[in-house]
């Protein structure tokens, strides 16, 4: 909830795109991430990260 957007995006990309198969996130896990991001006070600044999560969910 408190990571700066750039650091958050880098960590999410690493998790979604570069994880070993055993820990690749499911659509449900990404949906939970989106819910948390939407509740952050700076959610309006996270639109690109939320869109990235939606894109991942549709492609996963």
N, C-alpha and C. Protein backbone atom coordinates (compact mmCIF):
# COMPACT_ATOMS: atom_id res chain seq x y z
N UNK A 1 0.82 -1.22 0.00
CA UNK A 1 0.00 0.00 0.00
C UNK A 1 0.85 1.26 0.00
N UNK A 2 2.11 1.17 0.36
CA UNK A 2 2.91 2.38 0.49
C UNK A 2 4.07 2.48 -0.49
N UNK A 3 4.30 1.46 -1.29
CA UNK A 3 5.41 1.54 -2.25
C UNK A 3 5.17 2.65 -3.26
N UNK A 4 6.21 3.38 -3.63
CA UNK A 4 6.07 4.38 -4.69
C UNK A 4 5.68 3.69 -6.00
N UNK A 5 4.93 4.36 -6.87
CA UNK A 5 4.46 3.73 -8.11
C UNK A 5 5.55 3.06 -8.94
N UNK A 6 6.69 3.71 -9.13
CA UNK A 6 7.74 3.12 -9.97
C UNK A 6 8.27 1.81 -9.37
N UNK A 7 8.47 1.79 -8.07
CA UNK A 7 8.96 0.59 -7.40
C UNK A 7 7.89 -0.51 -7.44
N UNK A 8 6.66 -0.13 -7.23
CA UNK A 8 5.54 -1.07 -7.27
C UNK A 8 5.44 -1.71 -8.65
N UNK A 9 5.51 -0.89 -9.70
CA UNK A 9 5.40 -1.42 -11.06
C UNK A 9 6.53 -2.41 -11.34
N UNK A 10 7.75 -2.07 -10.95
CA UNK A 10 8.89 -2.97 -11.18
C UNK A 10 8.69 -4.30 -10.47
N UNK A 11 8.21 -4.26 -9.24
CA UNK A 11 7.99 -5.50 -8.48
C UNK A 11 6.87 -6.34 -9.09
N UNK A 12 5.81 -5.68 -9.54
CA UNK A 12 4.71 -6.43 -10.16
C UNK A 12 5.14 -7.06 -11.48
N UNK A 13 5.90 -6.34 -12.28
CA UNK A 13 6.39 -6.91 -13.54
C UNK A 13 7.28 -8.11 -13.24
N UNK A 14 8.15 -7.98 -12.27
CA UNK A 14 9.03 -9.10 -11.92
C UNK A 14 8.20 -10.31 -11.49
N UNK A 15 7.17 -10.08 -10.70
CA UNK A 15 6.31 -11.17 -10.22
C UNK A 15 5.52 -11.80 -11.36
N UNK A 16 4.92 -10.97 -12.20
CA UNK A 16 4.04 -11.48 -13.25
C UNK A 16 4.81 -12.06 -14.43
N UNK A 17 5.92 -11.45 -14.80
CA UNK A 17 6.60 -11.84 -16.03
C UNK A 17 7.86 -12.68 -15.83
N UNK A 18 8.48 -12.60 -14.67
CA UNK A 18 9.79 -13.24 -14.52
C UNK A 18 9.85 -14.28 -13.41
N UNK A 19 8.71 -14.61 -12.84
CA UNK A 19 8.68 -15.62 -11.77
C UNK A 19 8.82 -17.01 -12.35
N UNK A 20 9.37 -17.89 -11.53
CA UNK A 20 9.36 -19.30 -11.92
C UNK A 20 7.90 -19.77 -11.93
N UNK A 21 7.64 -20.77 -12.68
CA UNK A 21 6.26 -21.22 -12.93
C UNK A 21 5.49 -21.50 -11.64
N UNK A 22 6.16 -21.94 -10.60
CA UNK A 22 5.47 -22.28 -9.36
C UNK A 22 4.88 -21.06 -8.65
N UNK A 23 5.39 -19.87 -8.91
CA UNK A 23 4.87 -18.69 -8.21
C UNK A 23 4.28 -17.64 -9.15
N UNK A 24 4.07 -17.99 -10.42
CA UNK A 24 3.41 -17.06 -11.34
C UNK A 24 2.02 -16.79 -10.79
N UNK A 25 1.62 -15.52 -10.71
CA UNK A 25 0.32 -15.20 -10.11
C UNK A 25 -0.86 -15.64 -10.97
N UNK A 26 -1.91 -16.01 -10.29
CA UNK A 26 -3.16 -16.38 -10.97
C UNK A 26 -3.98 -15.12 -11.25
N UNK A 27 -5.02 -15.27 -12.06
CA UNK A 27 -5.93 -14.15 -12.32
C UNK A 27 -6.53 -13.63 -11.01
N UNK A 28 -6.87 -14.54 -10.12
CA UNK A 28 -7.45 -14.16 -8.83
C UNK A 28 -6.50 -13.33 -7.99
N UNK A 29 -5.23 -13.71 -7.99
CA UNK A 29 -4.24 -12.95 -7.23
C UNK A 29 -4.07 -11.54 -7.82
N UNK A 30 -4.04 -11.45 -9.13
CA UNK A 30 -3.90 -10.14 -9.78
C UNK A 30 -5.15 -9.29 -9.52
N UNK A 31 -6.32 -9.92 -9.50
CA UNK A 31 -7.55 -9.19 -9.18
C UNK A 31 -7.47 -8.60 -7.77
N UNK A 32 -6.91 -9.36 -6.84
CA UNK A 32 -6.73 -8.85 -5.47
C UNK A 32 -5.76 -7.68 -5.45
N UNK A 33 -4.69 -7.76 -6.22
CA UNK A 33 -3.74 -6.65 -6.32
C UNK A 33 -4.46 -5.41 -6.84
N UNK A 34 -5.26 -5.58 -7.88
CA UNK A 34 -6.01 -4.44 -8.43
C UNK A 34 -6.92 -3.82 -7.39
N UNK A 35 -7.58 -4.65 -6.59
CA UNK A 35 -8.46 -4.13 -5.53
C UNK A 35 -7.67 -3.29 -4.53
N UNK A 36 -6.49 -3.78 -4.14
CA UNK A 36 -5.66 -3.03 -3.20
C UNK A 36 -5.20 -1.72 -3.82
N UNK A 37 -4.78 -1.77 -5.06
CA UNK A 37 -4.32 -0.55 -5.74
C UNK A 37 -5.44 0.49 -5.82
N UNK A 38 -6.65 0.03 -6.09
CA UNK A 38 -7.79 0.94 -6.20
C UNK A 38 -8.13 1.62 -4.87
N UNK A 39 -7.72 1.01 -3.76
CA UNK A 39 -8.00 1.57 -2.44
C UNK A 39 -6.91 2.53 -1.95
N UNK A 40 -5.81 2.59 -2.66
CA UNK A 40 -4.73 3.49 -2.24
C UNK A 40 -5.15 4.95 -2.42
N UNK A 41 -4.67 5.83 -1.57
CA UNK A 41 -5.00 7.25 -1.70
C UNK A 41 -4.51 7.85 -3.02
N UNK A 42 -3.46 7.26 -3.59
CA UNK A 42 -2.92 7.77 -4.85
C UNK A 42 -3.36 6.91 -6.05
N UNK A 43 -4.50 6.27 -5.93
CA UNK A 43 -4.99 5.37 -6.98
C UNK A 43 -5.05 6.04 -8.35
N UNK A 44 -5.37 7.31 -8.40
CA UNK A 44 -5.45 7.99 -9.70
C UNK A 44 -4.09 8.03 -10.39
N UNK A 45 -3.01 7.95 -9.63
CA UNK A 45 -1.67 7.96 -10.21
C UNK A 45 -1.22 6.56 -10.62
N UNK A 46 -2.02 5.56 -10.32
CA UNK A 46 -1.67 4.18 -10.59
C UNK A 46 -2.44 3.59 -11.77
N UNK A 47 -3.08 4.43 -12.55
CA UNK A 47 -3.92 3.95 -13.65
C UNK A 47 -3.15 3.04 -14.60
N UNK A 48 -1.90 3.39 -14.91
CA UNK A 48 -1.13 2.55 -15.83
C UNK A 48 -0.80 1.19 -15.22
N UNK A 49 -0.57 1.16 -13.92
CA UNK A 49 -0.28 -0.12 -13.25
C UNK A 49 -1.54 -0.98 -13.17
N UNK A 50 -2.66 -0.36 -12.90
CA UNK A 50 -3.94 -1.08 -12.86
C UNK A 50 -4.26 -1.63 -14.25
N UNK A 51 -4.02 -0.83 -15.29
CA UNK A 51 -4.24 -1.29 -16.66
C UNK A 51 -3.31 -2.46 -17.00
N UNK A 52 -2.06 -2.38 -16.53
CA UNK A 52 -1.11 -3.45 -16.76
C UNK A 52 -1.63 -4.76 -16.13
N UNK A 53 -2.18 -4.65 -14.92
CA UNK A 53 -2.74 -5.83 -14.26
C UNK A 53 -3.93 -6.39 -15.04
N UNK A 54 -4.79 -5.52 -15.52
CA UNK A 54 -5.93 -5.98 -16.33
C UNK A 54 -5.46 -6.68 -17.58
N UNK A 55 -4.47 -6.12 -18.24
CA UNK A 55 -3.91 -6.73 -19.45
C UNK A 55 -3.34 -8.11 -19.13
N UNK A 56 -2.61 -8.23 -18.04
CA UNK A 56 -2.04 -9.51 -17.65
C UNK A 56 -3.14 -10.54 -17.40
N UNK A 57 -4.20 -10.10 -16.71
CA UNK A 57 -5.31 -11.02 -16.41
C UNK A 57 -5.96 -11.54 -17.69
N UNK A 58 -6.06 -10.69 -18.69
CA UNK A 58 -6.69 -11.10 -19.95
C UNK A 58 -5.79 -12.01 -20.77
N UNK A 59 -4.47 -11.88 -20.59
CA UNK A 59 -3.53 -12.69 -21.34
C UNK A 59 -3.11 -13.97 -20.64
N UNK A 60 -3.32 -14.00 -19.33
CA UNK A 60 -2.83 -15.16 -18.56
C UNK A 60 -3.67 -16.40 -18.81
